[in-house]
C-alpha atoms as a PDB file:
ATOM      1  CA  MET A   1     -78.957  -1.463  11.851  1.00  0.00           C
ATOM      2  CA  SER A   2     -78.810   2.225  12.953  1.00  0.00           C
ATOM      3  CA  ARG A   3     -82.189   3.451  13.906  1.00  0.00           C
ATOM      4  CA  GLY A   4     -83.308   6.283  11.489  1.00  0.00           C
ATOM      5  CA  GLY A   5     -79.826   6.037  10.116  1.00  0.00           C
ATOM      6  CA  GLU A   6     -78.342   8.896  12.100  1.00  0.00           C
ATOM      7  CA  MET A   7     -78.036   7.939  15.749  1.00  0.00           C
ATOM      8  CA  VAL A   8     -75.247   5.634  17.027  1.00  0.00           C
ATOM      9  CA  TYR A   9     -76.925   3.115  19.554  1.00  0.00           C
ATOM     10  CA  ILE A  10     -76.226  -0.055  21.259  1.00  0.00           C
ATOM     11  CA  PRO A  11     -78.511  -3.068  19.956  1.00  0.00           C
ATOM     12  CA  ASP A  12     -80.987  -4.164  22.459  1.00  0.00           C
ATOM     13  CA  ASP A  13     -82.930  -7.430  22.780  1.00  0.00           C
ATOM     14  CA  SER A  14     -85.189  -6.697  19.962  1.00  0.00           C
ATOM     15  CA  ASP A  15     -82.322  -6.220  17.564  1.00  0.00           C
ATOM     16  CA  PHE A  16     -80.755  -9.358  18.499  1.00  0.00           C
ATOM     17  CA  SER A  17     -84.335 -11.089  18.108  1.00  0.00           C
ATOM     18  CA  SER A  18     -84.835  -9.727  14.688  1.00  0.00           C
ATOM     19  CA  PHE A  19     -81.219 -10.733  13.681  1.00  0.00           C
ATOM     20  CA  ARG A  20     -81.898 -14.276  14.855  1.00  0.00           C
ATOM     21  CA  ASP A  21     -85.251 -14.345  12.925  1.00  0.00           C
ATOM     22  CA  GLN A  22     -83.373 -13.147   9.893  1.00  0.00           C
ATOM     23  CA  CYS A  23     -80.686 -16.157  10.160  1.00  0.00           C
ATOM     24  CA  GLU A  24     -83.508 -18.769  10.606  1.00  0.00           C
ATOM     25  CA  SER A  25     -86.216 -17.565   8.009  1.00  0.00           C
ATOM     26  CA  LEU A  26     -85.917 -18.739   4.416  1.00  0.00           C
ATOM     27  CA  GLU A  27     -88.530 -16.440   3.278  1.00  0.00           C
ATOM     28  CA  GLY A  28     -87.188 -13.960   0.478  1.00  0.00           C
ATOM     29  CA  TRP A  29     -83.865 -15.833   0.345  1.00  0.00           C
ATOM     30  CA  HIS A  30     -82.468 -17.342  -2.699  1.00  0.00           C
ATOM     31  CA  CYS A  31     -80.119 -20.190  -2.424  1.00  0.00           C
ATOM     32  CA  ARG A  32     -76.756 -19.595  -4.311  1.00  0.00           C
ATOM     33  CA  TYR A  33     -74.646 -22.306  -2.899  1.00  0.00           C
ATOM     34  CA  ASN A  34     -75.397 -25.884  -1.197  1.00  0.00           C
ATOM     35  CA  LYS A  35     -72.432 -28.382  -0.870  1.00  0.00           C
ATOM     36  CA  ALA A  36     -70.631 -30.420   1.726  1.00  0.00           C
ATOM     37  CA  GLY A  37     -72.636 -29.058   4.616  1.00  0.00           C
ATOM     38  CA  VAL A  38     -72.321 -25.323   3.587  1.00  0.00           C
ATOM     39  CA  THR A  39     -75.378 -23.410   2.406  1.00  0.00           C
ATOM     40  CA  VAL A  40     -75.267 -19.671   0.986  1.00  0.00           C
ATOM     41  CA  TRP A  41     -78.168 -17.540   0.253  1.00  0.00           C
ATOM     42  CA  SER A  42     -78.562 -14.176  -0.886  1.00  0.00           C
ATOM     43  CA  GLN A  43     -81.595 -11.596  -0.635  1.00  0.00           C
ATOM     44  CA  GLY A  44     -83.553  -9.169  -2.429  1.00  0.00           C
ATOM     45  CA  GLN A  45     -80.952  -7.384  -4.673  1.00  0.00           C
ATOM     46  CA  GLU A  46     -80.176  -7.595  -8.320  1.00  0.00           C
ATOM     47  CA  GLU A  47     -77.143 -10.000  -8.922  1.00  0.00           C
ATOM     48  CA  SER A  48     -75.342  -6.972 -10.382  1.00  0.00           C
ATOM     49  CA  CYS A  49     -75.710  -4.962  -7.072  1.00  0.00           C
ATOM     50  CA  THR A  50     -72.669  -5.018  -4.899  1.00  0.00           C
ATOM     51  CA  VAL A  51     -74.587  -4.180  -1.724  1.00  0.00           C
ATOM     52  CA  GLN A  52     -76.328  -7.632  -1.432  1.00  0.00           C
ATOM     53  CA  LYS A  53     -77.307  -9.405   1.740  1.00  0.00           C
ATOM     54  CA  ILE A  54     -75.653 -12.692   2.091  1.00  0.00           C
ATOM     55  CA  LYS A  55     -76.392 -15.383   4.540  1.00  0.00           C
ATOM     56  CA  THR A  56     -74.344 -18.658   5.198  1.00  0.00           C
ATOM     57  CA  ARG A  57     -75.031 -21.679   7.181  1.00  0.00           C
ATOM     58  CA  ILE A  58     -72.655 -24.481   8.231  1.00  0.00           C
ATOM     59  CA  SER A  59     -73.166 -27.527  10.695  1.00  0.00           C
ATOM     60  CA  CYS A  60     -70.162 -28.026  13.003  1.00  0.00           C
ATOM     61  CA  LYS A  61     -69.866 -31.544  14.449  1.00  0.00           C
ATOM     62  CA  ASP A  62     -67.518 -31.716  17.400  1.00  0.00           C
ATOM     63  CA  VAL A  63     -67.498 -28.048  18.110  1.00  0.00           C
ATOM     64  CA  PRO A  64     -69.774 -26.875  21.026  1.00  0.00           C
ATOM     65  CA  ALA A  65     -71.701 -23.616  20.462  1.00  0.00           C
ATOM     66  CA  GLU A  66     -69.764 -21.812  23.538  1.00  0.00           C
ATOM     67  CA  THR A  67     -66.387 -22.858  21.892  1.00  0.00           C
ATOM     68  CA  LEU A  68     -67.210 -21.216  18.526  1.00  0.00           C
ATOM     69  CA  TYR A  69     -68.551 -18.304  20.297  1.00  0.00           C
ATOM     70  CA  ASP A  70     -65.169 -17.850  21.926  1.00  0.00           C
ATOM     71  CA  VAL A  71     -63.396 -18.296  18.630  1.00  0.00           C
ATOM     72  CA  LEU A  72     -65.193 -15.548  17.226  1.00  0.00           C
ATOM     73  CA  HIS A  73     -64.364 -13.207  20.063  1.00  0.00           C
ATOM     74  CA  ASP A  74     -60.770 -13.976  20.582  1.00  0.00           C
ATOM     75  CA  THR A  75     -58.613 -11.508  18.437  1.00  0.00           C
ATOM     76  CA  ARG A  76     -55.450 -13.055  19.347  1.00  0.00           C
ATOM     77  CA  TYR A  77     -56.468 -16.526  18.030  1.00  0.00           C
ATOM     78  CA  ARG A  78     -58.085 -14.957  14.923  1.00  0.00           C
ATOM     79  CA  LYS A  79     -54.448 -14.073  13.450  1.00  0.00           C
ATOM     80  CA  LYS A  80     -54.112 -17.967  13.553  1.00  0.00           C
ATOM     81  CA  TRP A  81     -56.821 -18.893  11.268  1.00  0.00           C
ATOM     82  CA  ASP A  82     -57.955 -15.863   9.445  1.00  0.00           C
ATOM     83  CA  SER A  83     -55.730 -15.565   6.565  1.00  0.00           C
ATOM     84  CA  ASN A  84     -57.646 -12.812   4.903  1.00  0.00           C
ATOM     85  CA  MET A  85     -57.192 -10.446   7.909  1.00  0.00           C
ATOM     86  CA  ILE A  86     -54.421  -7.892   7.788  1.00  0.00           C
ATOM     87  CA  GLU A  87     -55.036  -6.301  11.166  1.00  0.00           C
ATOM     88  CA  THR A  88     -57.654  -6.337  13.887  1.00  0.00           C
ATOM     89  CA  TYR A  89     -57.764  -4.570  17.192  1.00  0.00           C
ATOM     90  CA  ASP A  90     -60.278  -3.392  19.867  1.00  0.00           C
ATOM     91  CA  ILE A  91     -60.497   0.500  20.257  1.00  0.00           C
ATOM     92  CA  GLY A  92     -62.625   0.647  23.394  1.00  0.00           C
ATOM     93  CA  ARG A  93     -65.562  -0.810  25.278  1.00  0.00           C
ATOM     94  CA  LEU A  94     -69.036   0.843  25.305  1.00  0.00           C
ATOM     95  CA  THR A  95     -70.798  -1.536  27.872  1.00  0.00           C
ATOM     96  CA  VAL A  96     -70.221  -5.017  29.291  1.00  0.00           C
ATOM     97  CA  ASN A  97     -71.341  -6.528  25.958  1.00  0.00           C
ATOM     98  CA  ALA A  98     -70.480  -3.759  23.386  1.00  0.00           C
ATOM     99  CA  ASP A  99     -67.262  -2.214  21.920  1.00  0.00           C
ATOM    100  CA  VAL A 100     -65.679  -0.519  19.077  1.00  0.00           C
ATOM    101  CA  GLY A 101     -63.025  -2.180  16.903  1.00  0.00           C
ATOM    102  CA  TYR A 102     -61.088  -2.139  13.693  1.00  0.00           C
ATOM    103  CA  TYR A 103     -60.778  -4.822  10.908  1.00  0.00           C
ATOM    104  CA  SER A 104     -58.963  -4.905   7.801  1.00  0.00           C
ATOM    105  CA  TRP A 105     -58.795  -7.523   5.076  1.00  0.00           C
ATOM    106  CA  LYS A 106     -56.954  -8.620   2.031  1.00  0.00           C
ATOM    107  CA  CYS A 107     -58.979  -8.515  -1.028  1.00  0.00           C
ATOM    108  CA  PRO A 108     -58.032 -10.621  -4.073  1.00  0.00           C
ATOM    109  CA  SER A 109     -55.382  -8.788  -6.320  1.00  0.00           C
ATOM    110  CA  PRO A 110     -55.998  -6.561  -8.104  1.00  0.00           C
ATOM    111  CA  LEU A 111     -58.784  -5.182  -5.955  1.00  0.00           C
ATOM    112  CA  LYS A 112     -57.752  -2.811  -3.239  1.00  0.00           C
ATOM    113  CA  ASN A 113     -57.885  -3.859   0.345  1.00  0.00           C
ATOM    114  CA  ARG A 114     -60.831  -2.877   2.572  1.00  0.00           C
ATOM    115  CA  ASP A 115     -61.172  -1.990   6.263  1.00  0.00           C
ATOM    116  CA  PHE A 116     -63.997  -1.293   8.736  1.00  0.00           C
ATOM    117  CA  VAL A 117     -64.510   0.484  11.979  1.00  0.00           C
ATOM    118  CA  THR A 118     -67.547  -1.169  13.769  1.00  0.00           C
ATOM    119  CA  LEU A 119     -69.614  -1.108  16.791  1.00  0.00           C
ATOM    120  CA  ARG A 120     -70.105  -4.688  17.912  1.00  0.00           C
ATOM    121  CA  SER A 121     -72.479  -6.174  20.449  1.00  0.00           C
ATOM    122  CA  TRP A 122     -73.035  -9.812  21.595  1.00  0.00           C
ATOM    123  CA  LEU A 123     -75.478 -11.605  23.691  1.00  0.00           C
ATOM    124  CA  PRO A 124     -75.767 -15.342  24.821  1.00  0.00           C
ATOM    125  CA  LEU A 125     -79.304 -16.197  25.131  1.00  0.00           C
ATOM    126  CA  GLY A 126     -80.055 -19.800  26.336  1.00  0.00           C
ATOM    127  CA  ASN A 127     -78.539 -22.072  23.704  1.00  0.00           C
ATOM    128  CA  ASP A 128     -78.006 -19.510  21.295  1.00  0.00           C
ATOM    129  CA  TYR A 129     -75.057 -17.037  20.878  1.00  0.00           C
ATOM    130  CA  MET A 130     -75.139 -13.836  18.824  1.00  0.00           C
ATOM    131  CA  ILE A 131     -72.506 -11.241  17.795  1.00  0.00           C
ATOM    132  CA  ILE A 132     -73.566  -8.393  15.387  1.00  0.00           C
ATOM    133  CA  ASN A 133     -72.020  -5.090  14.295  1.00  0.00           C
ATOM    134  CA  TYR A 134     -72.290  -2.134  12.037  1.00  0.00           C
ATOM    135  CA  SER A 135     -70.021   0.635  10.855  1.00  0.00           C
ATOM    136  CA  VAL A 136     -69.453   3.764  12.930  1.00  0.00           C
ATOM    137  CA  LYS A 137     -67.018   6.810  12.507  1.00  0.00           C
ATOM    138  CA  HIS A 138     -64.705   7.472  15.336  1.00  0.00           C
ATOM    139  CA  PRO A 139     -62.616  10.558  15.241  1.00  0.00           C
ATOM    140  CA  LYS A 140     -59.247   8.806  15.890  1.00  0.00           C
ATOM    141  CA  PHE A 141     -59.726   6.246  13.275  1.00  0.00           C
ATOM    142  CA  PRO A 142     -60.451   7.913  10.081  1.00  0.00           C
ATOM    143  CA  PRO A 143     -60.258   6.414   6.544  1.00  0.00           C
ATOM    144  CA  ARG A 144     -56.632   5.411   5.572  1.00  0.00           C
ATOM    145  CA  LYS A 145     -54.922   6.091   2.234  1.00  0.00           C
ATOM    146  CA  ASP A 146     -53.841   2.473   2.040  1.00  0.00           C
ATOM    147  CA  PHE A 147     -57.424   1.040   2.376  1.00  0.00           C
ATOM    148  CA  VAL A 148     -60.941   1.461   0.932  1.00  0.00           C
ATOM    149  CA  ARG A 149     -63.237   2.094   3.911  1.00  0.00           C
ATOM    150  CA  ALA A 150     -65.976  -0.292   3.615  1.00  0.00           C
ATOM    151  CA  VAL A 151     -69.435  -0.043   5.541  1.00  0.00           C
ATOM    152  CA  SER A 152     -71.150  -2.775   7.398  1.00  0.00           C
ATOM    153  CA  LEU A 153     -74.809  -2.214   7.303  1.00  0.00           C
ATOM    154  CA  GLN A 154     -75.288  -5.196   9.280  1.00  0.00           C
ATOM    155  CA  THR A 155     -73.107  -8.230  10.017  1.00  0.00           C
ATOM    156  CA  GLY A 156     -73.143 -10.910  12.482  1.00  0.00           C
ATOM    157  CA  TYR A 157     -73.091 -14.587  13.616  1.00  0.00           C
ATOM    158  CA  LEU A 158     -75.596 -16.675  15.176  1.00  0.00           C
ATOM    159  CA  ILE A 159     -74.390 -20.009  16.992  1.00  0.00           C
ATOM    160  CA  LYS A 160     -77.054 -22.501  17.819  1.00  0.00           C
ATOM    161  CA  ALA A 161     -76.352 -25.466  20.145  1.00  0.00           C
ATOM    162  CA  ASN A 162     -77.279 -28.771  18.232  1.00  0.00           C
ATOM    163  CA  GLY A 163     -77.045 -31.739  20.487  1.00  0.00           C
ATOM    164  CA  ASP A 164     -74.121 -32.855  22.292  1.00  0.00           C
ATOM    165  CA  GLY A 165     -70.887 -30.933  21.612  1.00  0.00           C
ATOM    166  CA  ALA A 166     -72.136 -29.775  18.135  1.00  0.00           C
ATOM    167  CA  CYS A 167     -73.445 -26.467  16.805  1.00  0.00           C
ATOM    168  CA  VAL A 168     -74.954 -24.740  13.648  1.00  0.00           C
ATOM    169  CA  LEU A 169     -73.178 -21.529  12.630  1.00  0.00           C
ATOM    170  CA  TYR A 170     -75.048 -18.823  10.654  1.00  0.00           C
ATOM    171  CA  TYR A 171     -73.238 -15.829   9.256  1.00  0.00           C
ATOM    172  CA  LEU A 172     -75.255 -12.915   7.975  1.00  0.00           C
ATOM    173  CA  THR A 173     -73.757  -9.865   6.313  1.00  0.00           C
ATOM    174  CA  GLN A 174     -74.898  -6.834   4.398  1.00  0.00           C
ATOM    175  CA  VAL A 175     -71.926  -4.756   3.456  1.00  0.00           C
ATOM    176  CA  ASP A 176     -71.125  -1.842   1.096  1.00  0.00           C
ATOM    177  CA  PRO A 177     -67.669  -2.381  -0.281  1.00  0.00           C
ATOM    178  CA  ARG A 178     -67.359   1.137  -1.635  1.00  0.00           C
ATOM    179  CA  GLY A 179     -66.618   0.710  -5.368  1.00  0.00           C
ATOM    180  CA  SER A 180     -68.115  -0.120  -8.464  1.00  0.00           C
ATOM    181  CA  LEU A 181     -67.232  -3.790  -8.345  1.00  0.00           C
ATOM    182  CA  PRO A 182     -67.294  -6.293 -11.228  1.00  0.00           C
ATOM    183  CA  LYS A 183     -70.196  -8.620 -11.238  1.00  0.00           C
ATOM    184  CA  TRP A 184     -67.895 -11.670 -11.033  1.00  0.00           C
ATOM    185  CA  VAL A 185     -66.698 -10.423  -7.688  1.00  0.00           C
ATOM    186  CA  VAL A 186     -70.282 -10.478  -6.315  1.00  0.00           C
ATOM    187  CA  ASN A 187     -70.810 -13.990  -7.600  1.00  0.00           C
ATOM    188  CA  ARG A 188     -67.516 -15.203  -6.080  1.00  0.00           C
ATOM    189  CA  VAL A 189     -68.429 -13.994  -2.607  1.00  0.00           C
ATOM    190  CA  SER A 190     -71.473 -16.206  -2.582  1.00  0.00           C
ATOM    191  CA  GLN A 191     -69.929 -19.271  -4.492  1.00  0.00           C
ATOM    192  CA  PHE A 192     -66.426 -19.420  -3.245  1.00  0.00           C
ATOM    193  CA  VAL A 193     -65.349 -16.799  -0.535  1.00  0.00           C
ATOM    194  CA  ALA A 194     -68.269 -17.318   1.817  1.00  0.00           C
ATOM    195  CA  PRO A 195     -68.015 -21.216   2.066  1.00  0.00           C
ATOM    196  CA  LYS A 196     -64.398 -21.200   2.375  1.00  0.00           C
ATOM    197  CA  ALA A 197     -64.636 -18.652   5.072  1.00  0.00           C
ATOM    198  CA  MET A 198     -67.259 -20.838   7.063  1.00  0.00           C
ATOM    199  CA  LYS A 199     -64.977 -23.804   6.610  1.00  0.00           C
ATOM    200  CA  LYS A 200     -62.121 -21.970   8.105  1.00  0.00           C
ATOM    201  CA  ILE A 201     -64.234 -21.130  11.263  1.00  0.00           C
ATOM    202  CA  TYR A 202     -65.347 -24.698  11.635  1.00  0.00           C
ATOM    203  CA  LYS A 203     -61.746 -26.034  11.558  1.00  0.00           C
ATOM    204  CA  ALA A 204     -60.559 -23.115  13.811  1.00  0.00           C
ATOM    205  CA  GLY A 205     -63.213 -24.275  16.478  1.00  0.00           C
ATOM    206  CA  LEU A 206     -61.795 -27.836  16.232  1.00  0.00           C
ATOM    207  CA  LYS A 207     -58.354 -26.633  17.248  1.00  0.00           C
ATOM    208  CA  TYR A 208     -59.307 -23.855  19.797  1.00  0.00           C
ATOM    209  CA  PRO A 209     -59.580 -25.693  22.993  1.00  0.00           C
ATOM    210  CA  GLU A 210     -55.920 -27.064  22.593  1.00  0.00           C
ATOM    211  CA  TRP A 211     -54.422 -23.517  21.353  1.00  0.00           C
ATOM    212  CA  LYS A 212     -56.512 -21.849  24.408  1.00  0.00           C
ATOM    213  CA  ARG A 213     -54.996 -24.026  26.909  1.00  0.00           C
ATOM    214  CA  ARG A 214     -51.545 -22.827  26.070  1.00  0.00           C
ATOM    215  CA  HIS A 215     -52.585 -19.142  25.629  1.00  0.00           C
ATOM    216  CA  ASP A 216     -54.410 -17.439  28.779  1.00  0.00           C
ATOM    217  CA  PRO A 217     -56.766 -20.211  29.378  1.00  0.00           C
ATOM    218  CA  GLU A 218     -58.831 -18.123  31.874  1.00  0.00           C
ATOM    219  CA  TYR A 219     -58.756 -14.766  29.983  1.00  0.00           C
ATOM    220  CA  LYS A 220     -62.267 -14.308  28.264  1.00  0.00           C
ATOM    221  CA  PRO A 221     -63.319 -10.738  28.783  1.00  0.00           C
ATOM    222  CA  TRP A 222     -66.313 -11.415  26.406  1.00  0.00           C
ATOM    223  CA  VAL A 223     -67.428 -13.849  29.104  1.00  0.00           C
ATOM    224  CA  TYR A 224     -65.879 -12.088  32.210  1.00  0.00           C
ATOM    225  CA  PRO A 225     -66.332  -8.355  31.720  1.00  0.00           C
ATOM    226  CA  GLU A 226     -64.328  -7.579  34.774  1.00  0.00           C
ATOM    227  CA  GLN A 227     -61.171  -8.720  32.617  1.00  0.00           C
ATOM    228  CA  ASN A 228     -61.915  -5.984  30.248  1.00  0.00           C
ATOM    229  CA  THR A 229     -59.154  -3.530  30.474  1.00  0.00           C
ATOM    230  CA  LEU A 230     -60.143  -1.411  27.289  1.00  0.00           C
ATOM    231  CA  PRO A 231     -60.485   2.413  27.634  1.00  0.00           C
ATOM    232  CA  SER A 232     -64.117   3.465  27.824  1.00  0.00           C
ATOM    233  CA  VAL A 233     -65.725   4.992  24.441  1.00  0.00           C
ATOM    234  CA  SER A 234     -68.781   7.354  24.857  1.00  0.00           C
ATOM    235  CA  LEU A 235     -71.533   6.842  22.353  1.00  0.00           C
ATOM    236  CA  ALA A 236     -71.189  10.772  21.817  1.00  0.00           C
ATOM    237  CA  GLU A 237     -67.743  10.137  20.105  1.00  0.00           C
ATOM    238  CA  LEU A 238     -69.326   8.188  17.510  1.00  0.00           C
ATOM    239  CA  SER A 239     -71.443   8.699  14.375  1.00  0.00           C
ATOM    240  CA  VAL A 240     -72.912   6.507  11.854  1.00  0.00           C
ATOM    241  CA  GLN A 241     -70.552   5.912   8.869  1.00  0.00           C
ATOM    242  CA  HIS A 242     -72.575   6.615   5.838  1.00  0.00           C
ATOM    243  CA  ALA A 243     -71.427   5.083   2.527  1.00  0.00           C
ATOM    244  CA  ASP A 244     -71.900   8.203   0.461  1.00  0.00           C
ATOM    245  CA  SER A 245     -69.628   9.934   2.386  1.00  0.00           C
ATOM    246  CA  LEU A 246     -66.592   7.730   1.458  1.00  0.00           C
ATOM    247  CA  GLU A 247     -64.436   7.196  -1.528  1.00  0.00           C
ATOM    248  CA  ASN A 248     -65.967   5.314  -4.269  1.00  0.00           C
ATOM    249  CA  ILE A 249     -63.565   3.690  -6.650  1.00  0.00           C
ATOM    250  CA  ASP A 250     -64.338   2.001 -10.108  1.00  0.00           C
ATOM    251  CA  GLU A 251     -63.045  -1.569 -10.332  1.00  0.00           C
ATOM    252  CA  THR A 252     -65.678  -2.903 -12.869  1.00  0.00           C
ATOM    253  CA  GLY A 253     -62.907  -3.098 -15.467  1.00  0.00           C
ATOM    254  CA  LEU A 254     -60.924  -5.778 -13.605  1.00  0.00           C
ATOM    255  CA  SER A 255     -60.882  -9.127 -14.957  1.00  0.00           C
ATOM    256  CA  GLU A 256     -61.401 -12.482 -13.071  1.00  0.00           C
ATOM    257  CA  GLU A 257     -58.228 -13.843 -14.651  1.00  0.00           C
ATOM    258  CA  HIS A 258     -56.306 -11.379 -12.840  1.00  0.00           C
ATOM    259  CA  LEU A 259     -56.914 -12.713  -9.332  1.00  0.00           C
ATOM    260  CA  SER A 260     -53.972 -13.330  -7.300  1.00  0.00           C
ATOM    261  CA  ALA A 261     -52.796 -16.785  -6.614  1.00  0.00           C
ATOM    262  CA  SER A 262     -53.549 -16.596  -3.025  1.00  0.00           C
ATOM    263  CA  ASP A 263     -57.333 -16.347  -3.718  1.00  0.00           C
ATOM    264  CA  HIS A 264     -57.080 -19.961  -5.055  1.00  0.00           C
ATOM    265  CA  GLU A 265     -55.612 -21.299  -2.080  1.00  0.00           C
ATOM    266  CA  ALA A 266     -57.438 -23.969  -0.414  1.00  0.00           C
END
């Protein structure tokens, strides 16, 4: 997403518009999975390439768009539903609708766990809500020895209101996981991991109103910027995270049979 690949910048209306177009367009996308209300597409890359662009769509009955938007912002609630997450926290704010954050997630054993530092920006636009991010470097949060630092080239969500109390959720991601991954991992992402993740978000949306009533119901700094107490971060402190400057590990020899039991949990 970074313009020219070198300068860190905060996405503007044209970036959000472009992201929404990518989510809604079918041109150049190949359907990889379509079952039980969830569709997964991939774009443009050879199947053996690990840096694929993947798009997922799910219809969410009984979950208003603004509720799902809150779910995806609320880091405290994420700990309740995102079983793949190891840790997430906000590092600092850039503007009223942009911040820098950290996220680490469990990869199926025997793959190494991955983490990210990203610049995230969000925009409610009529009946649409968007959250997008890309990887940056922050001097106080360098790569850690216990994780492989992965790179989000572009990742985000588009939530579209769809009638009374319902919405459609798109998730689009292009990530360099850093590592020569076996082909089965790439296939598994589109056939198993992505659909499962979308269903989890949908279920989280159904349960969120009740949870939020019991946990600071008025606290939504992504909606009310005056509630945001994060320290300010300057763009000058950040630089674009290039994949070629990070460790690249070879995991092509790992067999699908070695997957941990946790990866097969429903």
